[in-house]
mmCIF file of all heavy atoms, coordinates in Angstrom:
data_MODEL
# 
_entry.id   MODEL 
# 
loop_
_atom_site.group_PDB 
_atom_site.id 
_atom_site.type_symbol 
_atom_site.label_atom_id 
_atom_site.label_alt_id 
_atom_site.label_comp_id 
_atom_site.label_asym_id 
_atom_site.label_entity_id 
_atom_site.label_seq_id 
_atom_site.pdbx_PDB_ins_code 
_atom_site.Cartn_x 
_atom_site.Cartn_y 
_atom_site.Cartn_z 
_atom_site.occupancy 
_atom_site.B_iso_or_equiv 
_atom_site.pdbx_formal_charge 
_atom_site.auth_seq_id 
_atom_site.auth_comp_id 
_atom_site.auth_asym_id 
_atom_site.auth_atom_id 
_atom_site.pdbx_PDB_model_num 
ATOM 1   N N   . ALA A 1 1  ? -55.342 -49.320 18.765  1.00 0.00 ? 1  ALA A N   1 
ATOM 2   C CA  . ALA A 1 1  ? -55.334 -48.013 18.105  1.00 0.00 ? 1  ALA A CA  1 
ATOM 3   C C   . ALA A 1 1  ? -53.960 -47.771 17.498  1.00 0.00 ? 1  ALA A C   1 
ATOM 4   O O   . ALA A 1 1  ? -53.026 -47.379 18.202  1.00 0.00 ? 1  ALA A O   1 
ATOM 5   C CB  . ALA A 1 1  ? -55.681 -46.906 19.102  1.00 0.00 ? 1  ALA A CB  1 
ATOM 6   N N   . PRO A 1 2  ? -53.780 -48.037 16.206  1.00 0.00 ? 2  PRO A N   1 
ATOM 7   C CA  . PRO A 1 2  ? -52.477 -47.829 15.558  1.00 0.00 ? 2  PRO A CA  1 
ATOM 8   C C   . PRO A 1 2  ? -51.993 -46.385 15.700  1.00 0.00 ? 2  PRO A C   1 
ATOM 9   O O   . PRO A 1 2  ? -52.782 -45.439 15.620  1.00 0.00 ? 2  PRO A O   1 
ATOM 10  C CB  . PRO A 1 2  ? -52.757 -48.173 14.091  1.00 0.00 ? 2  PRO A CB  1 
ATOM 11  C CG  . PRO A 1 2  ? -53.937 -49.088 14.141  1.00 0.00 ? 2  PRO A CG  1 
ATOM 12  C CD  . PRO A 1 2  ? -54.779 -48.594 15.281  1.00 0.00 ? 2  PRO A CD  1 
ATOM 13  N N   . VAL A 1 3  ? -50.693 -46.249 15.921  1.00 0.00 ? 3  VAL A N   1 
ATOM 14  C CA  . VAL A 1 3  ? -50.070 -44.936 16.095  1.00 0.00 ? 3  VAL A CA  1 
ATOM 15  C C   . VAL A 1 3  ? -49.100 -44.697 14.944  1.00 0.00 ? 3  VAL A C   1 
ATOM 16  O O   . VAL A 1 3  ? -48.180 -45.484 14.726  1.00 0.00 ? 3  VAL A O   1 
ATOM 17  C CB  . VAL A 1 3  ? -49.319 -44.853 17.443  1.00 0.00 ? 3  VAL A CB  1 
ATOM 18  C CG1 . VAL A 1 3  ? -48.607 -43.506 17.575  1.00 0.00 ? 3  VAL A CG1 1 
ATOM 19  C CG2 . VAL A 1 3  ? -50.281 -45.080 18.604  1.00 0.00 ? 3  VAL A CG2 1 
ATOM 20  N N   . SER A 1 4  ? -49.291 -43.609 14.221  1.00 0.00 ? 4  SER A N   1 
ATOM 21  C CA  . SER A 1 4  ? -48.427 -43.286 13.086  1.00 0.00 ? 4  SER A CA  1 
ATOM 22  C C   . SER A 1 4  ? -47.003 -43.029 13.561  1.00 0.00 ? 4  SER A C   1 
ATOM 23  O O   . SER A 1 4  ? -46.797 -42.301 14.539  1.00 0.00 ? 4  SER A O   1 
ATOM 24  C CB  . SER A 1 4  ? -48.959 -42.055 12.356  1.00 0.00 ? 4  SER A CB  1 
ATOM 25  O OG  . SER A 1 4  ? -48.142 -41.747 11.242  1.00 0.00 ? 4  SER A OG  1 
ATOM 26  N N   . PRO A 1 5  ? -45.994 -43.617 12.923  1.00 0.00 ? 5  PRO A N   1 
ATOM 27  C CA  . PRO A 1 5  ? -44.599 -43.437 13.349  1.00 0.00 ? 5  PRO A CA  1 
ATOM 28  C C   . PRO A 1 5  ? -44.162 -41.971 13.303  1.00 0.00 ? 5  PRO A C   1 
ATOM 29  O O   . PRO A 1 5  ? -44.544 -41.230 12.385  1.00 0.00 ? 5  PRO A O   1 
ATOM 30  C CB  . PRO A 1 5  ? -43.802 -44.265 12.327  1.00 0.00 ? 5  PRO A CB  1 
ATOM 31  C CG  . PRO A 1 5  ? -44.783 -45.247 11.789  1.00 0.00 ? 5  PRO A CG  1 
ATOM 32  C CD  . PRO A 1 5  ? -46.090 -44.543 11.775  1.00 0.00 ? 5  PRO A CD  1 
ATOM 33  N N   . GLU A 1 6  ? -43.374 -41.570 14.288  1.00 0.00 ? 6  GLU A N   1 
ATOM 34  C CA  . GLU A 1 6  ? -42.850 -40.216 14.301  1.00 0.00 ? 6  GLU A CA  1 
ATOM 35  C C   . GLU A 1 6  ? -41.844 -40.010 13.176  1.00 0.00 ? 6  GLU A C   1 
ATOM 36  O O   . GLU A 1 6  ? -41.778 -38.935 12.570  1.00 0.00 ? 6  GLU A O   1 
ATOM 37  C CB  . GLU A 1 6  ? -42.190 -39.922 15.655  1.00 0.00 ? 6  GLU A CB  1 
ATOM 38  C CG  . GLU A 1 6  ? -43.158 -39.873 16.827  1.00 0.00 ? 6  GLU A CG  1 
ATOM 39  C CD  . GLU A 1 6  ? -42.461 -39.532 18.126  1.00 0.00 ? 6  GLU A CD  1 
ATOM 40  O OE1 . GLU A 1 6  ? -41.232 -39.268 18.096  1.00 0.00 ? 6  GLU A OE1 1 
ATOM 41  O OE2 . GLU A 1 6  ? -43.131 -39.533 19.172  1.00 0.00 ? 6  GLU A OE2 1 
ATOM 42  N N   . LYS A 1 7  ? -41.053 -41.052 12.901  1.00 0.00 ? 7  LYS A N   1 
ATOM 43  C CA  . LYS A 1 7  ? -40.029 -40.948 11.864  1.00 0.00 ? 7  LYS A CA  1 
ATOM 44  C C   . LYS A 1 7  ? -40.532 -41.631 10.599  1.00 0.00 ? 7  LYS A C   1 
ATOM 45  O O   . LYS A 1 7  ? -40.755 -42.839 10.577  1.00 0.00 ? 7  LYS A O   1 
ATOM 46  C CB  . LYS A 1 7  ? -38.729 -41.586 12.348  1.00 0.00 ? 7  LYS A CB  1 
ATOM 47  C CG  . LYS A 1 7  ? -38.130 -40.872 13.549  1.00 0.00 ? 7  LYS A CG  1 
ATOM 48  C CD  . LYS A 1 7  ? -36.808 -41.494 13.993  1.00 0.00 ? 7  LYS A CD  1 
ATOM 49  C CE  . LYS A 1 7  ? -36.220 -40.744 15.183  1.00 0.00 ? 7  LYS A CE  1 
ATOM 50  N NZ  . LYS A 1 7  ? -34.939 -41.345 15.642  1.00 0.00 ? 7  LYS A NZ  1 
ATOM 51  N N   . LYS A 1 8  ? -40.723 -40.850 9.566   1.00 0.00 ? 8  LYS A N   1 
ATOM 52  C CA  . LYS A 1 8  ? -41.225 -41.371 8.301   1.00 0.00 ? 8  LYS A CA  1 
ATOM 53  C C   . LYS A 1 8  ? -40.067 -41.926 7.468   1.00 0.00 ? 8  LYS A C   1 
ATOM 54  O O   . LYS A 1 8  ? -38.958 -41.409 7.490   1.00 0.00 ? 8  LYS A O   1 
ATOM 55  C CB  . LYS A 1 8  ? -41.944 -40.275 7.518   1.00 0.00 ? 8  LYS A CB  1 
ATOM 56  C CG  . LYS A 1 8  ? -43.044 -39.565 8.307   1.00 0.00 ? 8  LYS A CG  1 
ATOM 57  C CD  . LYS A 1 8  ? -44.105 -40.544 8.802   1.00 0.00 ? 8  LYS A CD  1 
ATOM 58  C CE  . LYS A 1 8  ? -45.200 -39.818 9.576   1.00 0.00 ? 8  LYS A CE  1 
ATOM 59  N NZ  . LYS A 1 8  ? -46.215 -40.743 10.120  1.00 0.00 ? 8  LYS A NZ  1 
ATOM 60  N N   . ALA A 1 9  ? -40.367 -42.981 6.737   1.00 0.00 ? 9  ALA A N   1 
ATOM 61  C CA  . ALA A 1 9  ? -39.373 -43.603 5.869   1.00 0.00 ? 9  ALA A CA  1 
ATOM 62  C C   . ALA A 1 9  ? -39.589 -43.145 4.428   1.00 0.00 ? 9  ALA A C   1 
ATOM 63  O O   . ALA A 1 9  ? -40.714 -42.849 4.019   1.00 0.00 ? 9  ALA A O   1 
ATOM 64  C CB  . ALA A 1 9  ? -39.476 -45.121 5.951   1.00 0.00 ? 9  ALA A CB  1 
ATOM 65  N N   . ASP A 1 10 ? -38.503 -43.106 3.663   1.00 0.00 ? 10 ASP A N   1 
ATOM 66  C CA  . ASP A 1 10 ? -38.657 -42.774 2.257   1.00 0.00 ? 10 ASP A CA  1 
ATOM 67  C C   . ASP A 1 10 ? -39.328 -43.944 1.539   1.00 0.00 ? 10 ASP A C   1 
ATOM 68  O O   . ASP A 1 10 ? -39.249 -45.088 1.968   1.00 0.00 ? 10 ASP A O   1 
ATOM 69  C CB  . ASP A 1 10 ? -37.291 -42.472 1.621   1.00 0.00 ? 10 ASP A CB  1 
ATOM 70  C CG  . ASP A 1 10 ? -36.375 -43.684 1.604   1.00 0.00 ? 10 ASP A CG  1 
ATOM 71  O OD1 . ASP A 1 10 ? -35.663 -43.915 2.613   1.00 0.00 ? 10 ASP A OD1 1 
ATOM 72  O OD2 . ASP A 1 10 ? -36.380 -44.423 0.601   1.00 0.00 ? 10 ASP A OD2 1 
ATOM 73  N N   . GLY A 1 11 ? -39.981 -43.629 0.443   1.00 0.00 ? 11 GLY A N   1 
ATOM 74  C CA  . GLY A 1 11 ? -40.690 -44.663 -0.291  1.00 0.00 ? 11 GLY A CA  1 
ATOM 75  C C   . GLY A 1 11 ? -42.110 -44.834 0.206   1.00 0.00 ? 11 GLY A C   1 
ATOM 76  O O   . GLY A 1 11 ? -42.669 -43.953 0.859   1.00 0.00 ? 11 GLY A O   1 
ATOM 77  N N   . ALA A 1 12 ? -42.701 -45.998 -0.093  1.00 0.00 ? 12 ALA A N   1 
ATOM 78  C CA  . ALA A 1 12 ? -44.099 -46.225 0.256   1.00 0.00 ? 12 ALA A CA  1 
ATOM 79  C C   . ALA A 1 12 ? -44.414 -47.719 0.264   1.00 0.00 ? 12 ALA A C   1 
ATOM 80  O O   . ALA A 1 12 ? -43.702 -48.519 -0.345  1.00 0.00 ? 12 ALA A O   1 
ATOM 81  C CB  . ALA A 1 12 ? -45.002 -45.515 -0.753  1.00 0.00 ? 12 ALA A CB  1 
ATOM 82  N N   . PRO A 1 13 ? -45.495 -48.111 0.952   1.00 0.00 ? 13 PRO A N   1 
ATOM 83  C CA  . PRO A 1 13 ? -45.910 -49.525 0.959   1.00 0.00 ? 13 PRO A CA  1 
ATOM 84  C C   . PRO A 1 13 ? -46.699 -49.847 -0.301  1.00 0.00 ? 13 PRO A C   1 
ATOM 85  O O   . PRO A 1 13 ? -47.313 -48.974 -0.921  1.00 0.00 ? 13 PRO A O   1 
ATOM 86  C CB  . PRO A 1 13 ? -46.803 -49.606 2.189   1.00 0.00 ? 13 PRO A CB  1 
ATOM 87  C CG  . PRO A 1 13 ? -47.431 -48.242 2.271   1.00 0.00 ? 13 PRO A CG  1 
ATOM 88  C CD  . PRO A 1 13 ? -46.361 -47.280 1.814   1.00 0.00 ? 13 PRO A CD  1 
ATOM 89  N N   . ARG A 1 14 ? -46.688 -51.108 -0.669  1.00 0.00 ? 14 ARG A N   1 
ATOM 90  C CA  . ARG A 1 14 ? -47.543 -51.561 -1.762  1.00 0.00 ? 14 ARG A CA  1 
ATOM 91  C C   . ARG A 1 14 ? -47.905 -53.024 -1.536  1.00 0.00 ? 14 ARG A C   1 
ATOM 92  O O   . ARG A 1 14 ? -47.131 -53.791 -0.972  1.00 0.00 ? 14 ARG A O   1 
ATOM 93  C CB  . ARG A 1 14 ? -46.883 -51.370 -3.121  1.00 0.00 ? 14 ARG A CB  1 
ATOM 94  C CG  . ARG A 1 14 ? -45.599 -52.139 -3.348  1.00 0.00 ? 14 ARG A CG  1 
ATOM 95  C CD  . ARG A 1 14 ? -45.079 -51.883 -4.762  1.00 0.00 ? 14 ARG A CD  1 
ATOM 96  N NE  . ARG A 1 14 ? -43.823 -52.557 -5.030  1.00 0.00 ? 14 ARG A NE  1 
ATOM 97  C CZ  . ARG A 1 14 ? -43.718 -53.837 -5.376  1.00 0.00 ? 14 ARG A CZ  1 
ATOM 98  N NH1 . ARG A 1 14 ? -44.815 -54.577 -5.473  1.00 0.00 ? 14 ARG A NH1 1 
ATOM 99  N NH2 . ARG A 1 14 ? -42.546 -54.380 -5.606  1.00 0.00 ? 14 ARG A NH2 1 
ATOM 100 N N   . ARG A 1 15 ? -49.061 -53.382 -1.990  1.00 0.00 ? 15 ARG A N   1 
ATOM 101 C CA  . ARG A 1 15 ? -49.542 -54.757 -1.845  1.00 0.00 ? 15 ARG A CA  1 
ATOM 102 C C   . ARG A 1 15 ? -48.819 -55.659 -2.838  1.00 0.00 ? 15 ARG A C   1 
ATOM 103 O O   . ARG A 1 15 ? -48.576 -55.275 -3.988  1.00 0.00 ? 15 ARG A O   1 
ATOM 104 C CB  . ARG A 1 15 ? -51.039 -54.817 -2.081  1.00 0.00 ? 15 ARG A CB  1 
ATOM 105 C CG  . ARG A 1 15 ? -51.654 -56.180 -1.841  1.00 0.00 ? 15 ARG A CG  1 
ATOM 106 C CD  . ARG A 1 15 ? -53.160 -56.140 -1.958  1.00 0.00 ? 15 ARG A CD  1 
ATOM 107 N NE  . ARG A 1 15 ? -53.740 -55.224 -0.975  1.00 0.00 ? 15 ARG A NE  1 
ATOM 108 C CZ  . ARG A 1 15 ? -55.043 -55.088 -0.793  1.00 0.00 ? 15 ARG A CZ  1 
ATOM 109 N NH1 . ARG A 1 15 ? -55.892 -55.812 -1.497  1.00 0.00 ? 15 ARG A NH1 1 
ATOM 110 N NH2 . ARG A 1 15 ? -55.498 -54.229 0.090   1.00 0.00 ? 15 ARG A NH2 1 
ATOM 111 N N   . CYS A 1 16 ? -48.480 -56.869 -2.401  1.00 0.00 ? 16 CYS A N   1 
ATOM 112 C CA  . CYS A 1 16 ? -47.802 -57.823 -3.281  1.00 0.00 ? 16 CYS A CA  1 
ATOM 113 C C   . CYS A 1 16 ? -48.741 -58.304 -4.376  1.00 0.00 ? 16 CYS A C   1 
ATOM 114 O O   . CYS A 1 16 ? -49.920 -58.568 -4.139  1.00 0.00 ? 16 CYS A O   1 
ATOM 115 C CB  . CYS A 1 16 ? -47.326 -59.037 -2.485  1.00 0.00 ? 16 CYS A CB  1 
ATOM 116 S SG  . CYS A 1 16 ? -45.920 -58.736 -1.427  1.00 0.00 ? 16 CYS A SG  1 
ATOM 117 N N   . THR A 1 17 ? -48.187 -58.445 -5.563  1.00 0.00 ? 17 THR A N   1 
ATOM 118 C CA  . THR A 1 17 ? -48.910 -59.027 -6.685  1.00 0.00 ? 17 THR A CA  1 
ATOM 119 C C   . THR A 1 17 ? -48.113 -60.227 -7.175  1.00 0.00 ? 17 THR A C   1 
ATOM 120 O O   . THR A 1 17 ? -46.999 -60.501 -6.703  1.00 0.00 ? 17 THR A O   1 
ATOM 121 C CB  . THR A 1 17 ? -49.083 -58.014 -7.825  1.00 0.00 ? 17 THR A CB  1 
ATOM 122 O OG1 . THR A 1 17 ? -47.798 -57.763 -8.424  1.00 0.00 ? 17 THR A OG1 1 
ATOM 123 C CG2 . THR A 1 17 ? -49.667 -56.707 -7.313  1.00 0.00 ? 17 THR A CG2 1 
ATOM 124 N N   . ILE A 1 18 ? -48.651 -60.910 -8.167  1.00 0.00 ? 18 ILE A N   1 
ATOM 125 C CA  . ILE A 1 18 ? -47.964 -62.083 -8.690  1.00 0.00 ? 18 ILE A CA  1 
ATOM 126 C C   . ILE A 1 18 ? -46.609 -61.719 -9.281  1.00 0.00 ? 18 ILE A C   1 
ATOM 127 O O   . ILE A 1 18 ? -45.706 -62.557 -9.338  1.00 0.00 ? 18 ILE A O   1 
ATOM 128 C CB  . ILE A 1 18 ? -48.849 -62.801 -9.743  1.00 0.00 ? 18 ILE A CB  1 
ATOM 129 C CG1 . ILE A 1 18 ? -48.309 -64.194 -10.039 1.00 0.00 ? 18 ILE A CG1 1 
ATOM 130 C CG2 . ILE A 1 18 ? -48.990 -61.946 -10.979 1.00 0.00 ? 18 ILE A CG2 1 
ATOM 131 C CD1 . ILE A 1 18 ? -48.290 -65.122 -8.859  1.00 0.00 ? 18 ILE A CD1 1 
ATOM 132 N N   . ASP A 1 19 ? -46.444 -60.469 -9.703  1.00 0.00 ? 19 ASP A N   1 
ATOM 133 C CA  . ASP A 1 19 ? -45.145 -60.032 -10.220 1.00 0.00 ? 19 ASP A CA  1 
ATOM 134 C C   . ASP A 1 19 ? -44.075 -60.011 -9.131  1.00 0.00 ? 19 ASP A C   1 
ATOM 135 O O   . ASP A 1 19 ? -42.884 -59.971 -9.435  1.00 0.00 ? 19 ASP A O   1 
ATOM 136 C CB  . ASP A 1 19 ? -45.255 -58.636 -10.848 1.00 0.00 ? 19 ASP A CB  1 
ATOM 137 C CG  . ASP A 1 19 ? -46.107 -58.627 -12.109 1.00 0.00 ? 19 ASP A CG  1 
ATOM 138 O OD1 . ASP A 1 19 ? -46.209 -59.691 -12.756 1.00 0.00 ? 19 ASP A OD1 1 
ATOM 139 O OD2 . ASP A 1 19 ? -46.677 -57.565 -12.439 1.00 0.00 ? 19 ASP A OD2 1 
ATOM 140 N N   . ASP A 1 20 ? -44.512 -60.037 -7.869  1.00 0.00 ? 20 ASP A N   1 
ATOM 141 C CA  . ASP A 1 20 ? -43.582 -60.007 -6.734  1.00 0.00 ? 20 ASP A CA  1 
ATOM 142 C C   . ASP A 1 20 ? -43.274 -61.399 -6.200  1.00 0.00 ? 20 ASP A C   1 
ATOM 143 O O   . ASP A 1 20 ? -42.671 -61.534 -5.133  1.00 0.00 ? 20 ASP A O   1 
ATOM 144 C CB  . ASP A 1 20 ? -44.165 -59.161 -5.588  1.00 0.00 ? 20 ASP A CB  1 
ATOM 145 C CG  . ASP A 1 20 ? -44.410 -57.722 -5.987  1.00 0.00 ? 20 ASP A CG  1 
ATOM 146 O OD1 . ASP A 1 20 ? -43.464 -57.087 -6.460  1.00 0.00 ? 20 ASP A OD1 1 
ATOM 147 O OD2 . ASP A 1 20 ? -45.555 -57.254 -5.808  1.00 0.00 ? 20 ASP A OD2 1 
ATOM 148 N N   . LEU A 1 21 ? -43.678 -62.436 -6.924  1.00 0.00 ? 21 LEU A N   1 
ATOM 149 C CA  . LEU A 1 21 ? -43.564 -63.796 -6.390  1.00 0.00 ? 21 LEU A CA  1 
ATOM 150 C C   . LEU A 1 21 ? -42.161 -64.125 -5.916  1.00 0.00 ? 21 LEU A C   1 
ATOM 151 O O   . LEU A 1 21 ? -41.962 -64.512 -4.755  1.00 0.00 ? 21 LEU A O   1 
ATOM 152 C CB  . LEU A 1 21 ? -44.016 -64.823 -7.430  1.00 0.00 ? 21 LEU A CB  1 
ATOM 153 C CG  . LEU A 1 21 ? -43.862 -66.291 -7.014  1.00 0.00 ? 21 LEU A CG  1 
ATOM 154 C CD1 . LEU A 1 21 ? -44.666 -66.588 -5.759  1.00 0.00 ? 21 LEU A CD1 1 
ATOM 155 C CD2 . LEU A 1 21 ? -44.275 -67.221 -8.154  1.00 0.00 ? 21 LEU A CD2 1 
ATOM 156 N N   . GLU A 1 22 ? -41.173 -64.004 -6.752  1.00 0.00 ? 22 GLU A N   1 
ATOM 157 C CA  . GLU A 1 22 ? -39.807 -64.377 -6.362  1.00 0.00 ? 22 GLU A CA  1 
ATOM 158 C C   . GLU A 1 22 ? -39.259 -63.465 -5.285  1.00 0.00 ? 22 GLU A C   1 
ATOM 159 O O   . GLU A 1 22 ? -38.507 -63.901 -4.408  1.00 0.00 ? 22 GLU A O   1 
ATOM 160 C CB  . GLU A 1 22 ? -38.895 -64.401 -7.582  1.00 0.00 ? 22 GLU A CB  1 
ATOM 161 C CG  . GLU A 1 22 ? -39.217 -65.503 -8.577  1.00 0.00 ? 22 GLU A CG  1 
ATOM 162 C CD  . GLU A 1 22 ? -39.252 -66.883 -7.920  1.00 0.00 ? 22 GLU A CD  1 
ATOM 163 O OE1 . GLU A 1 22 ? -38.367 -67.194 -7.101  1.00 0.00 ? 22 GLU A OE1 1 
ATOM 164 O OE2 . GLU A 1 22 ? -40.186 -67.660 -8.239  1.00 0.00 ? 22 GLU A OE2 1 
ATOM 165 N N   . THR A 1 23 ? -39.646 -62.194 -5.334  1.00 0.00 ? 23 THR A N   1 
ATOM 166 C CA  . THR A 1 23 ? -39.219 -61.265 -4.280  1.00 0.00 ? 23 THR A CA  1 
ATOM 167 C C   . THR A 1 23 ? -39.788 -61.684 -2.936  1.00 0.00 ? 23 THR A C   1 
ATOM 168 O O   . THR A 1 23 ? -39.086 -61.706 -1.915  1.00 0.00 ? 23 THR A O   1 
ATOM 169 C CB  . THR A 1 23 ? -39.681 -59.830 -4.605  1.00 0.00 ? 23 THR A CB  1 
ATOM 170 O OG1 . THR A 1 23 ? -39.078 -59.407 -5.824  1.00 0.00 ? 23 THR A OG1 1 
ATOM 171 C CG2 . THR A 1 23 ? -39.289 -58.865 -3.493  1.00 0.00 ? 23 THR A CG2 1 
ATOM 172 N N   . LEU A 1 24 ? -41.069 -62.057 -2.917  1.00 0.00 ? 24 LEU A N   1 
ATOM 173 C CA  . LEU A 1 24 ? -41.695 -62.488 -1.665  1.00 0.00 ? 24 LEU A CA  1 
ATOM 174 C C   . LEU A 1 24 ? -41.087 -63.798 -1.181  1.00 0.00 ? 24 LEU A C   1 
ATOM 175 O O   . LEU A 1 24 ? -40.877 -63.975 0.034   1.00 0.00 ? 24 LEU A O   1 
ATOM 176 C CB  . LEU A 1 24 ? -43.205 -62.636 -1.850  1.00 0.00 ? 24 LEU A CB  1 
ATOM 177 C CG  . LEU A 1 24 ? -44.000 -62.988 -0.591  1.00 0.00 ? 24 LEU A CG  1 
ATOM 178 C CD1 . LEU A 1 24 ? -43.795 -61.929 0.490   1.00 0.00 ? 24 LEU A CD1 1 
ATOM 179 C CD2 . LEU A 1 24 ? -45.486 -63.136 -0.920  1.00 0.00 ? 24 LEU A CD2 1 
ATOM 180 N N   . VAL A 1 25 ? -40.797 -64.722 -2.090  1.00 0.00 ? 25 VAL A N   1 
ATOM 181 C CA  . VAL A 1 25 ? -40.137 -65.972 -1.711  1.00 0.00 ? 25 VAL A CA  1 
ATOM 182 C C   . VAL A 1 25 ? -38.805 -65.667 -1.032  1.00 0.00 ? 25 VAL A C   1 
ATOM 183 O O   . VAL A 1 25 ? -38.450 -66.281 -0.019  1.00 0.00 ? 25 VAL A O   1 
ATOM 184 C CB  . VAL A 1 25 ? -39.925 -66.886 -2.931  1.00 0.00 ? 25 VAL A CB  1 
ATOM 185 C CG1 . VAL A 1 25 ? -39.068 -68.101 -2.555  1.00 0.00 ? 25 VAL A CG1 1 
ATOM 186 C CG2 . VAL A 1 25 ? -41.255 -67.358 -3.490  1.00 0.00 ? 25 VAL A CG2 1 
ATOM 187 N N   . ASP A 1 26 ? -38.057 -64.711 -1.575  1.00 0.00 ? 26 ASP A N   1 
ATOM 188 C CA  . ASP A 1 26 ? -36.784 -64.324 -0.966  1.00 0.00 ? 26 ASP A CA  1 
ATOM 189 C C   . ASP A 1 26 ? -36.985 -63.800 0.452   1.00 0.00 ? 26 ASP A C   1 
ATOM 190 O O   . ASP A 1 26 ? -36.230 -64.154 1.366   1.00 0.00 ? 26 ASP A O   1 
ATOM 191 C CB  . ASP A 1 26 ? -36.089 -63.245 -1.810  1.00 0.00 ? 26 ASP A CB  1 
ATOM 192 C CG  . ASP A 1 26 ? -35.479 -63.800 -3.080  1.00 0.00 ? 26 ASP A CG  1 
ATOM 193 O OD1 . ASP A 1 26 ? -35.212 -65.017 -3.130  1.00 0.00 ? 26 ASP A OD1 1 
ATOM 194 O OD2 . ASP A 1 26 ? -35.263 -63.018 -4.028  1.00 0.00 ? 26 ASP A OD2 1 
# 
């Protein structure tokens, strides 16, 4: 049962796309 973090981070998640290739390699 995932528990939402008490402390929220700025920004947001996003799924990797092919445009993120070199970033993901890093």
